Full PDB file with SEQRES, HELIX, SHEET, SSBOND, CRYST1, ORIGX, SCALE, CONECT and MASTER records, all heavy atoms in Angstrom:
SEQRES   1 A   31  LEU PRO ILE PRO ALA VAL ILE ALA GLY CYS GLY GLY ASP          
SEQRES   2 A   31  ASP SER SER SER GLU ASP PRO GLN THR VAL LEU ASP GLU          
SEQRES   3 A   31  THR PHE ASN ASN ASP                                          
HELIX    1 AA1 ASP A   14  SER A   17  5                                   4    
HELIX    2 AA2 PRO A   20  PHE A   28  1                                   9    
CRYST1    1.000    1.000    1.000  90.00  90.00  90.00 P 1           1          
ORIGX1      1.000000  0.000000  0.000000        0.00000                         
ORIGX2      0.000000  1.000000  0.000000        0.00000                         
ORIGX3      0.000000  0.000000  1.000000        0.00000                         
SCALE1      1.000000  0.000000  0.000000        0.00000                         
SCALE2      0.000000  1.000000  0.000000        0.00000                         
SCALE3      0.000000  0.000000  1.000000        0.00000                         
ATOM      1  N   LEU A   1       9.666 110.384 -78.810  1.00  0.00           N  
ATOM      2  CA  LEU A   1       8.970 109.387 -79.623  1.00  0.00           C  
ATOM      3  C   LEU A   1       9.846 108.917 -80.766  1.00  0.00           C  
ATOM      4  O   LEU A   1      10.369 109.717 -81.526  1.00  0.00           O  
ATOM      5  CB  LEU A   1       7.673 109.994 -80.176  1.00  0.00           C  
ATOM      6  CG  LEU A   1       6.764 110.576 -79.100  1.00  0.00           C  
ATOM      7  CD1 LEU A   1       5.579 111.248 -79.742  1.00  0.00           C  
ATOM      8  CD2 LEU A   1       6.307 109.488 -78.166  1.00  0.00           C  
ATOM      9  N   PRO A   2       9.985 107.580 -80.959  1.00  0.00           N  
ATOM     10  CA  PRO A   2      10.809 107.035 -82.033  1.00  0.00           C  
ATOM     11  C   PRO A   2      10.108 107.030 -83.378  1.00  0.00           C  
ATOM     12  O   PRO A   2      10.659 106.555 -84.350  1.00  0.00           O  
ATOM     13  CB  PRO A   2      11.089 105.608 -81.572  1.00  0.00           C  
ATOM     14  CG  PRO A   2       9.913 105.254 -80.743  1.00  0.00           C  
ATOM     15  CD  PRO A   2       9.472 106.531 -80.086  1.00  0.00           C  
ATOM     16  N   ILE A   3       8.854 107.477 -83.449  1.00  0.00           N  
ATOM     17  CA  ILE A   3       8.175 107.602 -84.731  1.00  0.00           C  
ATOM     18  C   ILE A   3       7.946 109.079 -84.980  1.00  0.00           C  
ATOM     19  O   ILE A   3       8.078 109.904 -84.069  1.00  0.00           O  
ATOM     20  CB  ILE A   3       6.845 106.824 -84.716  1.00  0.00           C  
ATOM     21  CG1 ILE A   3       5.936 107.350 -83.602  1.00  0.00           C  
ATOM     22  CG2 ILE A   3       7.077 105.361 -84.527  1.00  0.00           C  
ATOM     23  CD1 ILE A   3       4.573 106.684 -83.587  1.00  0.00           C  
ATOM     24  N   PRO A   4       7.584 109.481 -86.216  1.00  0.00           N  
ATOM     25  CA  PRO A   4       7.499 110.893 -86.564  1.00  0.00           C  
ATOM     26  C   PRO A   4       6.459 111.655 -85.768  1.00  0.00           C  
ATOM     27  O   PRO A   4       5.364 111.902 -86.231  1.00  0.00           O  
ATOM     28  CB  PRO A   4       7.147 110.856 -88.054  1.00  0.00           C  
ATOM     29  CG  PRO A   4       7.610 109.551 -88.530  1.00  0.00           C  
ATOM     30  CD  PRO A   4       7.427 108.617 -87.386  1.00  0.00           C  
ATOM     31  N   ALA A   5       6.819 112.022 -84.567  1.00  0.00           N  
ATOM     32  CA  ALA A   5       5.978 112.893 -83.758  1.00  0.00           C  
ATOM     33  C   ALA A   5       6.883 113.511 -82.725  1.00  0.00           C  
ATOM     34  O   ALA A   5       7.615 112.840 -82.035  1.00  0.00           O  
ATOM     35  CB  ALA A   5       4.866 112.115 -83.086  1.00  0.00           C  
ATOM     36  N   VAL A   6       6.904 114.828 -82.625  1.00  0.00           N  
ATOM     37  CA  VAL A   6       7.811 115.518 -81.729  1.00  0.00           C  
ATOM     38  C   VAL A   6       7.022 116.415 -80.819  1.00  0.00           C  
ATOM     39  O   VAL A   6       6.117 117.125 -81.243  1.00  0.00           O  
ATOM     40  CB  VAL A   6       8.839 116.358 -82.517  1.00  0.00           C  
ATOM     41  CG1 VAL A   6       9.748 117.102 -81.556  1.00  0.00           C  
ATOM     42  CG2 VAL A   6       9.644 115.477 -83.451  1.00  0.00           C  
ATOM     43  N   ILE A   7       7.366 116.370 -79.551  1.00  0.00           N  
ATOM     44  CA  ILE A   7       6.714 117.231 -78.578  1.00  0.00           C  
ATOM     45  C   ILE A   7       7.680 118.344 -78.212  1.00  0.00           C  
ATOM     46  O   ILE A   7       8.813 118.093 -77.811  1.00  0.00           O  
ATOM     47  CB  ILE A   7       6.337 116.438 -77.322  1.00  0.00           C  
ATOM     48  CG1 ILE A   7       5.424 115.270 -77.716  1.00  0.00           C  
ATOM     49  CG2 ILE A   7       5.684 117.308 -76.283  1.00  0.00           C  
ATOM     50  CD1 ILE A   7       5.139 114.335 -76.572  1.00  0.00           C  
ATOM     51  N   ALA A   8       7.241 119.555 -78.317  1.00  0.00           N  
ATOM     52  CA  ALA A   8       8.102 120.698 -78.032  1.00  0.00           C  
ATOM     53  C   ALA A   8       8.166 120.936 -76.538  1.00  0.00           C  
ATOM     54  O   ALA A   8       7.164 120.911 -75.843  1.00  0.00           O  
ATOM     55  CB  ALA A   8       7.570 121.943 -78.724  1.00  0.00           C  
ATOM     56  N   GLY A   9       9.387 121.181 -76.043  1.00  0.00           N  
ATOM     57  CA  GLY A   9       9.557 121.580 -74.656  1.00  0.00           C  
ATOM     58  C   GLY A   9       9.739 120.410 -73.721  1.00  0.00           C  
ATOM     59  O   GLY A   9       9.248 119.334 -73.942  1.00  0.00           O  
ATOM     60  N   CYS A  10      10.500 120.662 -72.645  1.00  0.00           N  
ATOM     61  CA  CYS A  10      10.705 119.663 -71.607  1.00  0.00           C  
ATOM     62  C   CYS A  10      10.507 120.324 -70.264  1.00  0.00           C  
ATOM     63  O   CYS A  10      10.577 121.534 -70.139  1.00  0.00           O  
ATOM     64  CB  CYS A  10      12.104 119.064 -71.685  1.00  0.00           C  
ATOM     65  SG  CYS A  10      12.366 118.013 -73.130  1.00  0.00           S  
ATOM     66  N   GLY A  11      10.270 119.483 -69.239  1.00  0.00           N  
ATOM     67  CA  GLY A  11      10.054 120.044 -67.920  1.00  0.00           C  
ATOM     68  C   GLY A  11       8.611 120.420 -67.736  1.00  0.00           C  
ATOM     69  O   GLY A  11       7.861 120.628 -68.676  1.00  0.00           O  
ATOM     70  N   GLY A  12       8.200 120.486 -66.495  1.00  0.00           N  
ATOM     71  CA  GLY A  12       6.819 120.832 -66.217  1.00  0.00           C  
ATOM     72  C   GLY A  12       5.904 119.660 -66.524  1.00  0.00           C  
ATOM     73  O   GLY A  12       6.335 118.547 -66.756  1.00  0.00           O  
ATOM     74  N   ASP A  13       4.592 119.933 -66.545  1.00  0.00           N  
ATOM     75  CA  ASP A  13       3.607 118.877 -66.798  1.00  0.00           C  
ATOM     76  C   ASP A  13       3.328 118.797 -68.283  1.00  0.00           C  
ATOM     77  O   ASP A  13       2.295 119.213 -68.759  1.00  0.00           O  
ATOM     78  CB  ASP A  13       2.328 119.187 -66.004  1.00  0.00           C  
ATOM     79  CG  ASP A  13       1.360 118.011 -66.066  1.00  0.00           C  
ATOM     80  OD1 ASP A  13       1.750 116.935 -66.540  1.00  0.00           O  
ATOM     81  OD2 ASP A  13       0.212 118.190 -65.627  1.00  0.00           O  
ATOM     82  N   ASP A  14       4.287 118.231 -69.054  1.00  0.00           N  
ATOM     83  CA  ASP A  14       4.144 118.168 -70.504  1.00  0.00           C  
ATOM     84  C   ASP A  14       3.003 117.256 -70.921  1.00  0.00           C  
ATOM     85  O   ASP A  14       2.394 117.457 -71.968  1.00  0.00           O  
ATOM     86  CB  ASP A  14       5.450 117.702 -71.143  1.00  0.00           C  
ATOM     87  CG  ASP A  14       6.547 118.752 -71.056  1.00  0.00           C  
ATOM     88  OD1 ASP A  14       6.222 119.947 -70.903  1.00  0.00           O  
ATOM     89  OD2 ASP A  14       7.710 118.369 -71.117  1.00  0.00           O  
ATOM     90  N   SER A  15       2.721 116.228 -70.132  1.00  0.00           N  
ATOM     91  CA  SER A  15       1.681 115.277 -70.497  1.00  0.00           C  
ATOM     92  C   SER A  15       0.336 115.962 -70.668  1.00  0.00           C  
ATOM     93  O   SER A  15      -0.436 115.621 -71.566  1.00  0.00           O  
ATOM     94  CB  SER A  15       1.574 114.170 -69.434  1.00  0.00           C  
ATOM     95  OG  SER A  15       2.766 113.408 -69.380  1.00  0.00           O  
ATOM     96  N   SER A  16       0.041 116.929 -69.805  1.00  0.00           N  
ATOM     97  CA  SER A  16      -1.250 117.594 -69.864  1.00  0.00           C  
ATOM     98  C   SER A  16      -1.373 118.531 -71.048  1.00  0.00           C  
ATOM     99  O   SER A  16      -2.473 118.971 -71.381  1.00  0.00           O  
ATOM    100  CB  SER A  16      -1.514 118.366 -68.567  1.00  0.00           C  
ATOM    101  OG  SER A  16      -0.529 119.383 -68.389  1.00  0.00           O  
ATOM    102  N   SER A  17      -0.246 118.839 -71.712  1.00  0.00           N  
ATOM    103  CA  SER A  17      -0.287 119.743 -72.863  1.00  0.00           C  
ATOM    104  C   SER A  17      -0.097 119.016 -74.188  1.00  0.00           C  
ATOM    105  O   SER A  17      -0.099 119.652 -75.243  1.00  0.00           O  
ATOM    106  CB  SER A  17       0.790 120.823 -72.710  1.00  0.00           C  
ATOM    107  OG  SER A  17       2.082 120.236 -72.696  1.00  0.00           O  
ATOM    108  N   GLU A  18       0.063 117.692 -74.158  1.00  0.00           N  
ATOM    109  CA  GLU A  18       0.233 116.942 -75.396  1.00  0.00           C  
ATOM    110  C   GLU A  18      -1.039 117.006 -76.234  1.00  0.00           C  
ATOM    111  O   GLU A  18      -2.161 117.034 -75.717  1.00  0.00           O  
ATOM    112  CB  GLU A  18       0.566 115.482 -75.098  1.00  0.00           C  
ATOM    113  CG  GLU A  18       1.962 115.265 -74.561  1.00  0.00           C  
ATOM    114  CD  GLU A  18       2.323 113.797 -74.522  1.00  0.00           C  
ATOM    115  OE1 GLU A  18       2.264 113.153 -75.597  1.00  0.00           O  
ATOM    116  OE2 GLU A  18       2.641 113.291 -73.443  1.00  0.00           O  
ATOM    117  N   ASP A  19      -0.847 116.999 -77.544  1.00  0.00           N  
ATOM    118  CA  ASP A  19      -1.983 117.020 -78.458  1.00  0.00           C  
ATOM    119  C   ASP A  19      -2.780 115.734 -78.289  1.00  0.00           C  
ATOM    120  O   ASP A  19      -2.222 114.623 -78.407  1.00  0.00           O  
ATOM    121  CB  ASP A  19      -1.486 117.144 -79.896  1.00  0.00           C  
ATOM    122  CG  ASP A  19      -2.618 117.036 -80.895  1.00  0.00           C  
ATOM    123  OD1 ASP A  19      -3.519 117.877 -80.857  1.00  0.00           O  
ATOM    124  OD2 ASP A  19      -2.594 116.064 -81.696  1.00  0.00           O  
ATOM    125  N   PRO A  20      -4.084 115.816 -78.011  1.00  0.00           N  
ATOM    126  CA  PRO A  20      -4.864 114.597 -77.749  1.00  0.00           C  
ATOM    127  C   PRO A  20      -4.918 113.641 -78.925  1.00  0.00           C  
ATOM    128  O   PRO A  20      -4.928 112.421 -78.739  1.00  0.00           O  
ATOM    129  CB  PRO A  20      -6.255 115.146 -77.380  1.00  0.00           C  
ATOM    130  CG  PRO A  20      -6.307 116.523 -77.946  1.00  0.00           C  
ATOM    131  CD  PRO A  20      -4.901 117.027 -77.861  1.00  0.00           C  
ATOM    132  N   GLN A  21      -4.964 114.167 -80.158  1.00  0.00           N  
ATOM    133  CA  GLN A  21      -5.003 113.286 -81.323  1.00  0.00           C  
ATOM    134  C   GLN A  21      -3.702 112.516 -81.462  1.00  0.00           C  
ATOM    135  O   GLN A  21      -3.691 111.332 -81.801  1.00  0.00           O  
ATOM    136  CB  GLN A  21      -5.271 114.101 -82.593  1.00  0.00           C  
ATOM    137  CG  GLN A  21      -5.444 113.249 -83.858  1.00  0.00           C  
ATOM    138  CD  GLN A  21      -6.662 112.351 -83.786  1.00  0.00           C  
ATOM    139  OE1 GLN A  21      -7.789 112.837 -83.664  1.00  0.00           O  
ATOM    140  NE2 GLN A  21      -6.462 111.033 -83.851  1.00  0.00           N  
ATOM    141  N   THR A  22      -2.569 113.188 -81.177  1.00  0.00           N  
ATOM    142  CA  THR A  22      -1.270 112.512 -81.236  1.00  0.00           C  
ATOM    143  C   THR A  22      -1.195 111.399 -80.212  1.00  0.00           C  
ATOM    144  O   THR A  22      -0.732 110.287 -80.502  1.00  0.00           O  
ATOM    145  CB  THR A  22      -0.135 113.521 -80.996  1.00  0.00           C  
ATOM    146  OG1 THR A  22      -0.165 114.523 -82.011  1.00  0.00           O  
ATOM    147  CG2 THR A  22       1.214 112.830 -81.023  1.00  0.00           C  
ATOM    148  N   VAL A  23      -1.648 111.679 -78.991  1.00  0.00           N  
ATOM    149  CA  VAL A  23      -1.645 110.653 -77.940  1.00  0.00           C  
ATOM    150  C   VAL A  23      -2.495 109.476 -78.355  1.00  0.00           C  
ATOM    151  O   VAL A  23      -2.098 108.314 -78.200  1.00  0.00           O  
ATOM    152  CB  VAL A  23      -2.145 111.245 -76.602  1.00  0.00           C  
ATOM    153  CG1 VAL A  23      -2.294 110.131 -75.564  1.00  0.00           C  
ATOM    154  CG2 VAL A  23      -1.211 112.330 -76.097  1.00  0.00           C  
ATOM    155  N   LEU A  24      -3.656 109.769 -78.925  1.00  0.00           N  
ATOM    156  CA  LEU A  24      -4.559 108.698 -79.330  1.00  0.00           C  
ATOM    157  C   LEU A  24      -3.952 107.866 -80.452  1.00  0.00           C  
ATOM    158  O   LEU A  24      -4.005 106.626 -80.430  1.00  0.00           O  
ATOM    159  CB  LEU A  24      -5.890 109.302 -79.786  1.00  0.00           C  
ATOM    160  CG  LEU A  24      -7.105 108.386 -79.752  1.00  0.00           C  
ATOM    161  CD1 LEU A  24      -7.431 107.990 -78.326  1.00  0.00           C  
ATOM    162  CD2 LEU A  24      -8.301 109.071 -80.404  1.00  0.00           C  
ATOM    163  N   ASP A  25      -3.374 108.523 -81.462  1.00  0.00           N  
ATOM    164  CA  ASP A  25      -2.758 107.814 -82.574  1.00  0.00           C  
ATOM    165  C   ASP A  25      -1.655 106.883 -82.086  1.00  0.00           C  
ATOM    166  O   ASP A  25      -1.564 105.712 -82.506  1.00  0.00           O  
ATOM    167  CB  ASP A  25      -2.178 108.804 -83.593  1.00  0.00           C  
ATOM    168  CG  ASP A  25      -3.246 109.575 -84.330  1.00  0.00           C  
ATOM    169  OD1 ASP A  25      -4.419 109.156 -84.260  1.00  0.00           O  
ATOM    170  OD2 ASP A  25      -2.922 110.595 -84.969  1.00  0.00           O  
ATOM    171  N   GLU A  26      -0.795 107.385 -81.205  1.00  0.00           N  
ATOM    172  CA  GLU A  26       0.339 106.596 -80.738  1.00  0.00           C  
ATOM    173  C   GLU A  26      -0.108 105.470 -79.810  1.00  0.00           C  
ATOM    174  O   GLU A  26       0.522 104.407 -79.761  1.00  0.00           O  
ATOM    175  CB  GLU A  26       1.351 107.508 -80.052  1.00  0.00           C  
ATOM    176  CG  GLU A  26       2.020 108.441 -81.057  1.00  0.00           C  
ATOM    177  CD  GLU A  26       2.708 109.628 -80.397  1.00  0.00           C  
ATOM    178  OE1 GLU A  26       2.688 109.697 -79.151  1.00  0.00           O  
ATOM    179  OE2 GLU A  26       3.244 110.460 -81.135  1.00  0.00           O  
ATOM    180  N   THR A  27      -1.204 105.677 -79.107  1.00  0.00           N  
ATOM    181  CA  THR A  27      -1.720 104.648 -78.211  1.00  0.00           C  
ATOM    182  C   THR A  27      -2.279 103.462 -78.989  1.00  0.00           C  
ATOM    183  O   THR A  27      -1.978 102.307 -78.682  1.00  0.00           O  
ATOM    184  CB  THR A  27      -2.816 105.226 -77.289  1.00  0.00           C  
ATOM    185  OG1 THR A  27      -2.264 106.273 -76.494  1.00  0.00           O  
ATOM    186  CG2 THR A  27      -3.399 104.157 -76.389  1.00  0.00           C  
ATOM    187  N   PHE A  28      -3.077 103.751 -80.022  1.00  0.00           N  
ATOM    188  CA  PHE A  28      -3.726 102.668 -80.763  1.00  0.00           C  
ATOM    189  C   PHE A  28      -2.884 102.136 -81.918  1.00  0.00           C  
ATOM    190  O   PHE A  28      -3.317 101.234 -82.637  1.00  0.00           O  
ATOM    191  CB  PHE A  28      -5.088 103.127 -81.261  1.00  0.00           C  
ATOM    192  CG  PHE A  28      -6.106 103.238 -80.159  1.00  0.00           C  
ATOM    193  CD1 PHE A  28      -6.446 104.469 -79.626  1.00  0.00           C  
ATOM    194  CD2 PHE A  28      -6.691 102.106 -79.616  1.00  0.00           C  
ATOM    195  CE1 PHE A  28      -7.365 104.567 -78.594  1.00  0.00           C  
ATOM    196  CE2 PHE A  28      -7.599 102.195 -78.594  1.00  0.00           C  
ATOM    197  CZ  PHE A  28      -7.940 103.434 -78.068  1.00  0.00           C  
ATOM    198  N   ASN A  29      -1.690 102.691 -82.111  1.00  0.00           N  
ATOM    199  CA  ASN A  29      -0.777 102.151 -83.113  1.00  0.00           C  
ATOM    200  C   ASN A  29       0.527 101.717 -82.454  1.00  0.00           C  
ATOM    201  O   ASN A  29       1.583 101.710 -83.077  1.00  0.00           O  
ATOM    202  CB  ASN A  29      -0.495 103.199 -84.192  1.00  0.00           C  
ATOM    203  CG  ASN A  29      -1.683 103.426 -85.100  1.00  0.00           C  
ATOM    204  OD1 ASN A  29      -1.997 102.605 -85.949  1.00  0.00           O  
ATOM    205  ND2 ASN A  29      -2.383 104.526 -84.901  1.00  0.00           N  
ATOM    206  N   ASN A  30       0.422 101.332 -81.214  1.00  0.00           N  
ATOM    207  CA  ASN A  30       1.560 100.935 -80.414  1.00  0.00           C  
ATOM    208  C   ASN A  30       1.678  99.414 -80.465  1.00  0.00           C  
ATOM    209  O   ASN A  30       0.661  98.735 -80.519  1.00  0.00           O  
ATOM    210  CB  ASN A  30       1.303 101.398 -78.976  1.00  0.00           C  
ATOM    211  CG  ASN A  30       2.574 101.704 -78.252  1.00  0.00           C  
ATOM    212  OD1 ASN A  30       3.468 100.898 -78.278  1.00  0.00           O  
ATOM    213  ND2 ASN A  30       2.619 102.848 -77.615  1.00  0.00           N  
ATOM    214  N   ASP A  31       2.879  98.866 -80.437  1.00  0.00           N  
ATOM    215  CA  ASP A  31       2.997  97.408 -80.553  1.00  0.00           C  
ATOM    216  C   ASP A  31       3.716  96.757 -79.378  1.00  0.00           C  
ATOM    217  O   ASP A  31       4.257  95.675 -79.503  1.00  0.00           O  
ATOM    218  CB  ASP A  31       3.682  97.017 -81.870  1.00  0.00           C  
ATOM    219  CG  ASP A  31       5.109  97.530 -81.970  1.00  0.00           C  
ATOM    220  OD1 ASP A  31       5.585  98.156 -81.004  1.00  0.00           O  
ATOM    221  OD2 ASP A  31       5.748  97.308 -83.010  1.00  0.00           O  
TER     222      ASP A  31                                                      
MASTER        0    0    0    2    0    0    0    6  221    1    0    3          
END                                                                             
């Protein structure tokens, strides 16, 4: 992510472990 939010770890199904609030914030503040 190019804005201040970092996801720890790579590989595997990272999407299913992302913090839901972070996903929501980045989705509705996306341009």
